[in-house]
């Protein structure tokens, strides 16, 4: 029987960084998730004036510590995959990069460090770490349903926009001649129509005339009637999506997860799965 060649250092590091199946890999991912969580808390607390004045130095040190840690991890991921560009341009690759950049940008652009809250997106990895593959499947199904229904949603959105323009123009014609009116021009009247049709109702503008109030009531009722349309469109596309249960295995080429159990090649870069 042919002996299996021992793993190289690069292969061992790849399994630690990209795989959550091994005990060491899971420890690494759990540690990373805690670091992400604490870094987001630190950024949030630093935005409070009283806390920044009393603990600003500590929070700034934590900020740089987490940034250096995430930068090293990001560079390791690039070095370990066979196709670095695939990882760099993937969703997680972009999020990993953006979680590091704000601290460095803050050197030249004060206040840019607040953008570090984007690190919270990295907590999406907990679905893989905790083997919550059913949740991953649910997320992919929703995204696929949204993508498949984008043309229908665009048509619906455009139709609602046209309806809002007509409704706003009508409200302007009815209300513009009244004393103390808020409908001083068509754009602001269109804004009122949009707020009414979507049933938001900020209350910053109100109709004065009886006809205007009747039209407003019609807009609100119309909004209730059409609000379920995009939901129905997306739901119909979701019912068409039948994805198998994905695994938590990572592609050695680009690091992407979510492959089907019988998949032999990566769904992203086409590399052979090991």
C-alpha atoms as a PDB file:
ATOM      1  CA  UNK A   1       0.000   0.000   0.000  1.00  0.00           C
ATOM      2  CA  UNK A   2       1.436   3.353  -1.059  1.00  0.00           C
ATOM      3  CA  UNK A   3       2.136   5.697   1.826  1.00  0.00           C
ATOM      4  CA  UNK A   4       0.563   9.094   1.748  1.00  0.00           C
ATOM      5  CA  UNK A   5       3.048  11.944   1.538  1.00  0.00           C
ATOM      6  CA  UNK A   6       3.162  14.101   4.664  1.00  0.00           C
ATOM      7  CA  UNK A   7       1.485  17.468   4.443  1.00  0.00           C
ATOM      8  CA  UNK A   8       3.625  20.462   3.748  1.00  0.00           C
ATOM      9  CA  UNK A   9       3.569  23.525   5.989  1.00  0.00           C
ATOM     10  CA  UNK A  10       1.501  25.380   3.403  1.00  0.00           C
ATOM     11  CA  UNK A  11      -1.076  22.574   3.284  1.00  0.00           C
ATOM     12  CA  UNK A  12      -1.343  22.475   7.079  1.00  0.00           C
ATOM     13  CA  UNK A  13      -1.791  26.253   7.227  1.00  0.00           C
ATOM     14  CA  UNK A  14      -4.417  26.083   4.480  1.00  0.00           C
ATOM     15  CA  UNK A  15      -6.461  23.559   6.453  1.00  0.00           C
ATOM     16  CA  UNK A  16      -6.241  25.736   9.561  1.00  0.00           C
ATOM     17  CA  UNK A  17      -7.216  28.963   7.806  1.00  0.00           C
ATOM     18  CA  UNK A  18      -9.829  27.703   5.346  1.00  0.00           C
ATOM     19  CA  UNK A  19     -11.273  24.562   6.910  1.00  0.00           C
ATOM     20  CA  UNK A  20     -13.475  24.383  10.009  1.00  0.00           C
ATOM     21  CA  UNK A  21     -13.585  20.581  10.061  1.00  0.00           C
ATOM     22  CA  UNK A  22     -10.378  20.032  12.030  1.00  0.00           C
ATOM     23  CA  UNK A  23     -10.137  20.948  15.744  1.00  0.00           C
ATOM     24  CA  UNK A  24      -7.319  23.417  15.102  1.00  0.00           C
ATOM     25  CA  UNK A  25      -9.174  24.966  12.167  1.00  0.00           C
ATOM     26  CA  UNK A  26     -12.300  25.420  14.270  1.00  0.00           C
ATOM     27  CA  UNK A  27     -10.285  27.030  17.083  1.00  0.00           C
ATOM     28  CA  UNK A  28      -8.746  29.420  14.556  1.00  0.00           C
ATOM     29  CA  UNK A  29     -12.146  30.397  13.143  1.00  0.00           C
ATOM     30  CA  UNK A  30     -13.755  30.819  16.572  1.00  0.00           C
ATOM     31  CA  UNK A  31     -10.828  33.002  17.678  1.00  0.00           C
ATOM     32  CA  UNK A  32     -11.227  35.045  14.496  1.00  0.00           C
ATOM     33  CA  UNK A  33     -14.955  35.506  15.065  1.00  0.00           C
ATOM     34  CA  UNK A  34     -14.343  36.755  18.601  1.00  0.00           C
ATOM     35  CA  UNK A  35     -11.703  39.169  17.304  1.00  0.00           C
ATOM     36  CA  UNK A  36     -14.147  40.507  14.690  1.00  0.00           C
ATOM     37  CA  UNK A  37     -16.891  40.885  17.306  1.00  0.00           C
ATOM     38  CA  UNK A  38     -14.615  42.720  19.752  1.00  0.00           C
ATOM     39  CA  UNK A  39     -13.218  44.999  17.043  1.00  0.00           C
ATOM     40  CA  UNK A  40     -16.737  46.081  16.045  1.00  0.00           C
ATOM     41  CA  UNK A  41     -17.555  46.808  19.700  1.00  0.00           C
ATOM     42  CA  UNK A  42     -14.360  48.869  20.034  1.00  0.00           C
ATOM     43  CA  UNK A  43     -15.228  50.971  16.978  1.00  0.00           C
ATOM     44  CA  UNK A  44     -18.788  51.466  18.257  1.00  0.00           C
ATOM     45  CA  UNK A  45     -17.627  52.572  21.723  1.00  0.00           C
ATOM     46  CA  UNK A  46     -15.088  54.981  20.227  1.00  0.00           C
ATOM     47  CA  UNK A  47     -17.936  56.915  18.612  1.00  0.00           C
ATOM     48  CA  UNK A  48     -19.247  57.846  22.106  1.00  0.00           C
ATOM     49  CA  UNK A  49     -17.607  61.120  23.165  1.00  0.00           C
ATOM     50  CA  UNK A  50     -17.417  60.362  26.902  1.00  0.00           C
ATOM     51  CA  UNK A  51     -15.892  56.916  26.342  1.00  0.00           C
ATOM     52  CA  UNK A  52     -13.448  58.231  23.720  1.00  0.00           C
ATOM     53  CA  UNK A  53     -12.245  60.955  26.110  1.00  0.00           C
ATOM     54  CA  UNK A  54     -11.602  58.518  28.964  1.00  0.00           C
ATOM     55  CA  UNK A  55     -10.422  55.417  27.054  1.00  0.00           C
ATOM     56  CA  UNK A  56      -9.432  56.799  23.658  1.00  0.00           C
ATOM     57  CA  UNK A  57      -5.851  55.543  23.881  1.00  0.00           C
ATOM     58  CA  UNK A  58      -6.897  51.991  24.742  1.00  0.00           C
ATOM     59  CA  UNK A  59      -9.511  51.871  21.989  1.00  0.00           C
ATOM     60  CA  UNK A  60      -7.042  53.247  19.445  1.00  0.00           C
ATOM     61  CA  UNK A  61      -4.510  50.592  20.444  1.00  0.00           C
ATOM     62  CA  UNK A  62      -7.130  47.860  20.122  1.00  0.00           C
ATOM     63  CA  UNK A  63      -8.102  49.230  16.729  1.00  0.00           C
ATOM     64  CA  UNK A  64      -4.547  48.977  15.417  1.00  0.00           C
ATOM     65  CA  UNK A  65      -4.028  45.575  17.020  1.00  0.00           C
ATOM     66  CA  UNK A  66      -7.107  44.105  15.345  1.00  0.00           C
ATOM     67  CA  UNK A  67      -6.222  45.772  12.033  1.00  0.00           C
ATOM     68  CA  UNK A  68      -2.727  44.256  12.028  1.00  0.00           C
ATOM     69  CA  UNK A  69      -4.183  40.860  12.941  1.00  0.00           C
ATOM     70  CA  UNK A  70      -6.739  40.990  10.109  1.00  0.00           C
ATOM     71  CA  UNK A  71      -4.107  42.252   7.664  1.00  0.00           C
ATOM     72  CA  UNK A  72      -1.842  39.285   8.436  1.00  0.00           C
ATOM     73  CA  UNK A  73      -4.789  36.911   8.087  1.00  0.00           C
ATOM     74  CA  UNK A  74      -5.788  38.499   4.753  1.00  0.00           C
ATOM     75  CA  UNK A  75      -2.249  38.176   3.358  1.00  0.00           C
ATOM     76  CA  UNK A  76      -2.092  34.566   4.566  1.00  0.00           C
ATOM     77  CA  UNK A  77      -5.275  33.719   2.706  1.00  0.00           C
ATOM     78  CA  UNK A  78      -3.855  35.221  -0.482  1.00  0.00           C
ATOM     79  CA  UNK A  79      -0.626  33.285  -0.082  1.00  0.00           C
ATOM     80  CA  UNK A  80      -2.296  29.940   0.674  1.00  0.00           C
ATOM     81  CA  UNK A  81      -4.828  29.669  -2.176  1.00  0.00           C
ATOM     82  CA  UNK A  82      -3.772  28.473  -5.616  1.00  0.00           C
ATOM     83  CA  UNK A  83      -5.664  31.242  -7.362  1.00  0.00           C
ATOM     84  CA  UNK A  84      -5.194  34.425  -5.301  1.00  0.00           C
ATOM     85  CA  UNK A  85      -7.087  36.655  -7.731  1.00  0.00           C
ATOM     86  CA  UNK A  86     -10.199  34.484  -7.378  1.00  0.00           C
ATOM     87  CA  UNK A  87     -10.112  34.908  -3.608  1.00  0.00           C
ATOM     88  CA  UNK A  88      -9.349  38.652  -3.800  1.00  0.00           C
ATOM     89  CA  UNK A  89     -12.363  39.277  -6.059  1.00  0.00           C
ATOM     90  CA  UNK A  90     -14.719  36.975  -4.125  1.00  0.00           C
ATOM     91  CA  UNK A  91     -17.311  38.327  -1.676  1.00  0.00           C
ATOM     92  CA  UNK A  92     -15.341  37.310   1.411  1.00  0.00           C
ATOM     93  CA  UNK A  93     -12.089  38.496  -0.148  1.00  0.00           C
ATOM     94  CA  UNK A  94     -13.506  41.979  -0.688  1.00  0.00           C
ATOM     95  CA  UNK A  95     -14.986  42.066   2.827  1.00  0.00           C
ATOM     96  CA  UNK A  96     -11.658  40.931   4.310  1.00  0.00           C
ATOM     97  CA  UNK A  97      -9.846  43.718   2.456  1.00  0.00           C
ATOM     98  CA  UNK A  98     -12.372  46.386   3.425  1.00  0.00           C
ATOM     99  CA  UNK A  99     -12.114  45.346   7.080  1.00  0.00           C
ATOM    100  CA  UNK A 100      -8.436  46.357   7.048  1.00  0.00           C
ATOM    101  CA  UNK A 101      -8.399  49.476   4.878  1.00  0.00           C
ATOM    102  CA  UNK A 102     -10.310  52.027   7.049  1.00  0.00           C
ATOM    103  CA  UNK A 103      -7.612  52.160   9.752  1.00  0.00           C
ATOM    104  CA  UNK A 104      -4.939  52.900   7.180  1.00  0.00           C
ATOM    105  CA  UNK A 105      -7.173  55.398   5.375  1.00  0.00           C
ATOM    106  CA  UNK A 106      -7.817  57.203   8.678  1.00  0.00           C
ATOM    107  CA  UNK A 107      -4.174  58.312   8.629  1.00  0.00           C
ATOM    108  CA  UNK A 108      -5.005  60.503   5.630  1.00  0.00           C
ATOM    109  CA  UNK A 109      -8.794  60.856   6.014  1.00  0.00           C
ATOM    110  CA  UNK A 110      -9.867  61.524   9.617  1.00  0.00           C
ATOM    111  CA  UNK A 111     -13.056  59.696  10.499  1.00  0.00           C
ATOM    112  CA  UNK A 112     -12.585  56.916   7.929  1.00  0.00           C
ATOM    113  CA  UNK A 113     -11.942  54.412  10.750  1.00  0.00           C
ATOM    114  CA  UNK A 114     -15.690  54.414  11.462  1.00  0.00           C
ATOM    115  CA  UNK A 115     -16.088  52.379   8.282  1.00  0.00           C
ATOM    116  CA  UNK A 116     -14.548  49.461  10.147  1.00  0.00           C
ATOM    117  CA  UNK A 117     -18.030  48.406  11.216  1.00  0.00           C
ATOM    118  CA  UNK A 118     -18.051  46.599   7.864  1.00  0.00           C
ATOM    119  CA  UNK A 119     -16.079  43.939   9.738  1.00  0.00           C
ATOM    120  CA  UNK A 120     -19.370  42.699  11.106  1.00  0.00           C
ATOM    121  CA  UNK A 121     -20.007  41.135   7.690  1.00  0.00           C
ATOM    122  CA  UNK A 122     -17.164  38.754   8.444  1.00  0.00           C
ATOM    123  CA  UNK A 123     -19.347  37.185  11.134  1.00  0.00           C
ATOM    124  CA  UNK A 124     -21.164  35.467   8.269  1.00  0.00           C
ATOM    125  CA  UNK A 125     -18.401  32.887   8.558  1.00  0.00           C
ATOM    126  CA  UNK A 126     -19.984  31.616  11.774  1.00  0.00           C
ATOM    127  CA  UNK A 127     -22.507  29.680   9.659  1.00  0.00           C
ATOM    128  CA  UNK A 128     -19.633  27.600   8.339  1.00  0.00           C
ATOM    129  CA  UNK A 129     -17.802  27.355  11.642  1.00  0.00           C
ATOM    130  CA  UNK A 130     -20.903  26.154  13.492  1.00  0.00           C
ATOM    131  CA  UNK A 131     -21.825  23.851  10.589  1.00  0.00           C
ATOM    132  CA  UNK A 132     -25.071  25.747  10.057  1.00  0.00           C
ATOM    133  CA  UNK A 133     -25.128  24.706   6.399  1.00  0.00           C
ATOM    134  CA  UNK A 134     -28.910  24.845   6.248  1.00  0.00           C
ATOM    135  CA  UNK A 135     -28.682  28.570   6.966  1.00  0.00           C
ATOM    136  CA  UNK A 136     -26.070  28.934   4.237  1.00  0.00           C
ATOM    137  CA  UNK A 137     -28.409  27.142   1.868  1.00  0.00           C
ATOM    138  CA  UNK A 138     -31.257  29.444   2.897  1.00  0.00           C
ATOM    139  CA  UNK A 139     -29.137  32.521   2.228  1.00  0.00           C
ATOM    140  CA  UNK A 140     -28.053  31.259  -1.187  1.00  0.00           C
ATOM    141  CA  UNK A 141     -31.652  30.405  -2.078  1.00  0.00           C
ATOM    142  CA  UNK A 142     -32.797  33.936  -1.197  1.00  0.00           C
ATOM    143  CA  UNK A 143     -29.970  35.530  -3.181  1.00  0.00           C
ATOM    144  CA  UNK A 144     -30.710  33.311  -6.155  1.00  0.00           C
ATOM    145  CA  UNK A 145     -34.410  34.151  -5.974  1.00  0.00           C
ATOM    146  CA  UNK A 146     -33.631  37.873  -5.900  1.00  0.00           C
ATOM    147  CA  UNK A 147     -31.256  37.540  -8.833  1.00  0.00           C
ATOM    148  CA  UNK A 148     -33.753  35.578 -10.921  1.00  0.00           C
ATOM    149  CA  UNK A 149     -36.561  38.070 -10.233  1.00  0.00           C
ATOM    150  CA  UNK A 150     -34.524  41.233 -10.787  1.00  0.00           C
ATOM    151  CA  UNK A 151     -36.074  41.947 -14.224  1.00  0.00           C
ATOM    152  CA  UNK A 152     -39.632  41.648 -12.894  1.00  0.00           C
ATOM    153  CA  UNK A 153     -38.795  43.737  -9.833  1.00  0.00           C
ATOM    154  CA  UNK A 154     -37.283  46.433 -12.054  1.00  0.00           C
ATOM    155  CA  UNK A 155     -40.465  46.586 -14.159  1.00  0.00           C
ATOM    156  CA  UNK A 156     -42.552  46.796 -10.982  1.00  0.00           C
ATOM    157  CA  UNK A 157     -40.304  49.500  -9.519  1.00  0.00           C
ATOM    158  CA  UNK A 158     -40.492  51.536 -12.731  1.00  0.00           C
ATOM    159  CA  UNK A 159     -44.282  51.234 -12.784  1.00  0.00           C
ATOM    160  CA  UNK A 160     -44.525  52.453  -9.175  1.00  0.00           C
ATOM    161  CA  UNK A 161     -42.183  55.326 -10.015  1.00  0.00           C
ATOM    162  CA  UNK A 162     -44.403  56.411 -12.911  1.00  0.00           C
ATOM    163  CA  UNK A 163     -47.446  56.142 -10.645  1.00  0.00           C
ATOM    164  CA  UNK A 164     -45.677  58.337  -8.062  1.00  0.00           C
ATOM    165  CA  UNK A 165     -44.835  60.972 -10.678  1.00  0.00           C
ATOM    166  CA  UNK A 166     -48.444  61.128 -11.872  1.00  0.00           C
ATOM    167  CA  UNK A 167     -49.809  61.155  -8.320  1.00  0.00           C
ATOM    168  CA  UNK A 168     -47.353  63.856  -7.239  1.00  0.00           C
ATOM    169  CA  UNK A 169     -48.207  66.027 -10.233  1.00  0.00           C
ATOM    170  CA  UNK A 170     -51.911  65.634  -9.491  1.00  0.00           C
ATOM    171  CA  UNK A 171     -51.381  66.629  -5.858  1.00  0.00           C
ATOM    172  CA  UNK A 172     -49.444  69.694  -7.001  1.00  0.00           C
ATOM    173  CA  UNK A 173     -52.311  70.783  -9.242  1.00  0.00           C
ATOM    174  CA  UNK A 174     -54.811  70.351  -6.413  1.00  0.00           C
ATOM    175  CA  UNK A 175     -52.806  71.779  -3.500  1.00  0.00           C
ATOM    176  CA  UNK A 176     -50.389  74.360  -4.936  1.00  0.00           C
ATOM    177  CA  UNK A 177     -52.865  77.242  -4.937  1.00  0.00           C
ATOM    178  CA  UNK A 178     -53.743  76.956  -1.240  1.00  0.00           C
ATOM    179  CA  UNK A 179     -52.350  79.261   1.440  1.00  0.00           C
ATOM    180  CA  UNK A 180     -49.672  77.657   3.634  1.00  0.00           C
ATOM    181  CA  UNK A 181     -49.353  74.670   1.320  1.00  0.00           C
ATOM    182  CA  UNK A 182     -46.293  72.402   1.388  1.00  0.00           C
ATOM    183  CA  UNK A 183     -46.808  71.487  -2.266  1.00  0.00           C
ATOM    184  CA  UNK A 184     -44.696  74.310  -3.666  1.00  0.00           C
ATOM    185  CA  UNK A 185     -43.293  72.355  -6.624  1.00  0.00           C
ATOM    186  CA  UNK A 186     -43.709  69.055  -8.446  1.00  0.00           C
ATOM    187  CA  UNK A 187     -40.587  67.298  -7.065  1.00  0.00           C
ATOM    188  CA  UNK A 188     -41.675  67.837  -3.447  1.00  0.00           C
ATOM    189  CA  UNK A 189     -45.167  66.679  -4.417  1.00  0.00           C
ATOM    190  CA  UNK A 190     -43.703  63.497  -5.924  1.00  0.00           C
ATOM    191  CA  UNK A 191     -41.869  62.935  -2.635  1.00  0.00           C
ATOM    192  CA  UNK A 192     -45.208  63.190  -0.817  1.00  0.00           C
ATOM    193  CA  UNK A 193     -46.770  60.705  -3.240  1.00  0.00           C
ATOM    194  CA  UNK A 194     -43.952  58.206  -2.715  1.00  0.00           C
ATOM    195  CA  UNK A 195     -44.250  58.491   1.065  1.00  0.00           C
ATOM    196  CA  UNK A 196     -48.003  57.987   0.837  1.00  0.00           C
ATOM    197  CA  UNK A 197     -47.938  55.071  -1.639  1.00  0.00           C
ATOM    198  CA  UNK A 198     -45.338  53.237   0.453  1.00  0.00           C
ATOM    199  CA  UNK A 199     -47.537  53.904   3.541  1.00  0.00           C
ATOM    200  CA  UNK A 200     -44.563  55.401   5.419  1.00  0.00           C
ATOM    201  CA  UNK A 201     -46.349  58.626   6.348  1.00  0.00           C
ATOM    202  CA  UNK A 202     -43.664  60.856   7.874  1.00  0.00           C
ATOM    203  CA  UNK A 203     -46.204  63.582   8.587  1.00  0.00           C
ATOM    204  CA  UNK A 204     -43.910  66.401   7.433  1.00  0.00           C
ATOM    205  CA  UNK A 205     -46.415  67.244   4.672  1.00  0.00           C
ATOM    206  CA  UNK A 206     -50.200  67.102   4.788  1.00  0.00           C
ATOM    207  CA  UNK A 207     -52.969  67.759   2.297  1.00  0.00           C
ATOM    208  CA  UNK A 208     -55.113  70.822   3.015  1.00  0.00           C
ATOM    209  CA  UNK A 209     -57.962  70.522   0.537  1.00  0.00           C
ATOM    210  CA  UNK A 210     -60.715  67.918   0.699  1.00  0.00           C
ATOM    211  CA  UNK A 211     -59.800  66.604  -2.753  1.00  0.00           C
ATOM    212  CA  UNK A 212     -56.159  66.335  -1.677  1.00  0.00           C
ATOM    213  CA  UNK A 213     -57.117  64.297   1.377  1.00  0.00           C
ATOM    214  CA  UNK A 214     -59.269  61.990  -0.745  1.00  0.00           C
ATOM    215  CA  UNK A 215     -56.387  61.488  -3.181  1.00  0.00           C
ATOM    216  CA  UNK A 216     -54.041  60.775  -0.292  1.00  0.00           C
ATOM    217  CA  UNK A 217     -56.401  58.090   1.012  1.00  0.00           C
ATOM    218  CA  UNK A 218     -56.482  56.540  -2.459  1.00  0.00           C
ATOM    219  CA  UNK A 219     -52.662  56.576  -2.617  1.00  0.00           C
ATOM    220  CA  UNK A 220     -52.380  54.802   0.738  1.00  0.00           C
ATOM    221  CA  UNK A 221     -54.952  52.155  -0.181  1.00  0.00           C
ATOM    222  CA  UNK A 222     -53.208  51.660  -3.519  1.00  0.00           C
ATOM    223  CA  UNK A 223     -49.929  51.201  -1.657  1.00  0.00           C
ATOM    224  CA  UNK A 224     -51.460  48.451   0.482  1.00  0.00           C
ATOM    225  CA  UNK A 225     -52.726  46.763  -2.676  1.00  0.00           C
ATOM    226  CA  UNK A 226     -49.373  46.716  -4.475  1.00  0.00           C
ATOM    227  CA  UNK A 227     -46.984  46.238  -1.551  1.00  0.00           C
ATOM    228  CA  UNK A 228     -47.325  42.457  -1.774  1.00  0.00           C
ATOM    229  CA  UNK A 229     -46.437  42.328  -5.482  1.00  0.00           C
ATOM    230  CA  UNK A 230     -42.602  42.198  -5.127  1.00  0.00           C
ATOM    231  CA  UNK A 231     -42.971  39.640  -2.338  1.00  0.00           C
ATOM    232  CA  UNK A 232     -44.995  37.418  -4.642  1.00  0.00           C
ATOM    233  CA  UNK A 233     -42.464  37.835  -7.447  1.00  0.00           C
ATOM    234  CA  UNK A 234     -39.519  36.819  -5.259  1.00  0.00           C
ATOM    235  CA  UNK A 235     -41.473  33.972  -3.637  1.00  0.00           C
ATOM    236  CA  UNK A 236     -42.318  32.460  -7.022  1.00  0.00           C
ATOM    237  CA  UNK A 237     -38.635  32.473  -7.946  1.00  0.00           C
ATOM    238  CA  UNK A 238     -37.647  30.971  -4.592  1.00  0.00           C
ATOM    239  CA  UNK A 239     -39.991  28.046  -5.210  1.00  0.00           C
ATOM    240  CA  UNK A 240     -38.130  27.353  -8.444  1.00  0.00           C
ATOM    241  CA  UNK A 241     -34.782  27.190  -6.667  1.00  0.00           C
ATOM    242  CA  UNK A 242     -33.855  23.666  -5.629  1.00  0.00           C
ATOM    243  CA  UNK A 243     -30.334  23.605  -4.223  1.00  0.00           C
ATOM    244  CA  UNK A 244     -28.763  20.618  -2.557  1.00  0.00           C
ATOM    245  CA  UNK A 245     -27.372  20.882   0.954  1.00  0.00           C
ATOM    246  CA  UNK A 246     -23.912  22.470   0.663  1.00  0.00           C
ATOM    247  CA  UNK A 247     -20.897  21.332   2.629  1.00  0.00           C
ATOM    248  CA  UNK A 248     -18.433  23.494   4.566  1.00  0.00           C
ATOM    249  CA  UNK A 249     -15.471  22.302   2.479  1.00  0.00           C
ATOM    250  CA  UNK A 250     -13.271  25.038   1.040  1.00  0.00           C
ATOM    251  CA  UNK A 251     -11.838  25.113  -2.469  1.00  0.00           C
ATOM    252  CA  UNK A 252      -8.016  24.899  -2.405  1.00  0.00           C
ATOM    253  CA  UNK A 253      -7.891  27.228  -5.376  1.00  0.00           C
ATOM    254  CA  UNK A 254      -9.922  30.251  -4.263  1.00  0.00           C
ATOM    255  CA  UNK A 255     -11.144  29.361  -0.759  1.00  0.00           C
ATOM    256  CA  UNK A 256     -14.851  29.584  -1.536  1.00  0.00           C
ATOM    257  CA  UNK A 257     -17.290  27.374   0.424  1.00  0.00           C
ATOM    258  CA  UNK A 258     -20.776  25.982  -0.180  1.00  0.00           C
ATOM    259  CA  UNK A 259     -20.129  23.072  -2.544  1.00  0.00           C
ATOM    260  CA  UNK A 260     -22.588  20.217  -2.948  1.00  0.00           C
ATOM    261  CA  UNK A 261     -21.592  16.873  -1.396  1.00  0.00           C
ATOM    262  CA  UNK A 262     -21.017  15.237  -4.800  1.00  0.00           C
ATOM    263  CA  UNK A 263     -19.195  18.213  -6.332  1.00  0.00           C
ATOM    264  CA  UNK A 264     -15.816  17.367  -7.849  1.00  0.00           C
ATOM    265  CA  UNK A 265     -14.880  20.841  -9.017  1.00  0.00           C
ATOM    266  CA  UNK A 266     -15.183  24.315  -7.478  1.00  0.00           C
ATOM    267  CA  UNK A 267     -18.354  26.196  -8.357  1.00  0.00           C
ATOM    268  CA  UNK A 268     -16.364  29.446  -8.488  1.00  0.00           C
ATOM    269  CA  UNK A 269     -12.963  28.839 -10.105  1.00  0.00           C
ATOM    270  CA  UNK A 270     -13.317  25.304 -11.485  1.00  0.00           C
ATOM    271  CA  UNK A 271     -10.403  23.824  -9.541  1.00  0.00           C
ATOM    272  CA  UNK A 272     -10.613  20.178  -8.540  1.00  0.00           C
ATOM    273  CA  UNK A 273     -11.822  19.687  -4.967  1.00  0.00           C
ATOM    274  CA  UNK A 274      -9.727  17.510  -2.697  1.00  0.00           C
END
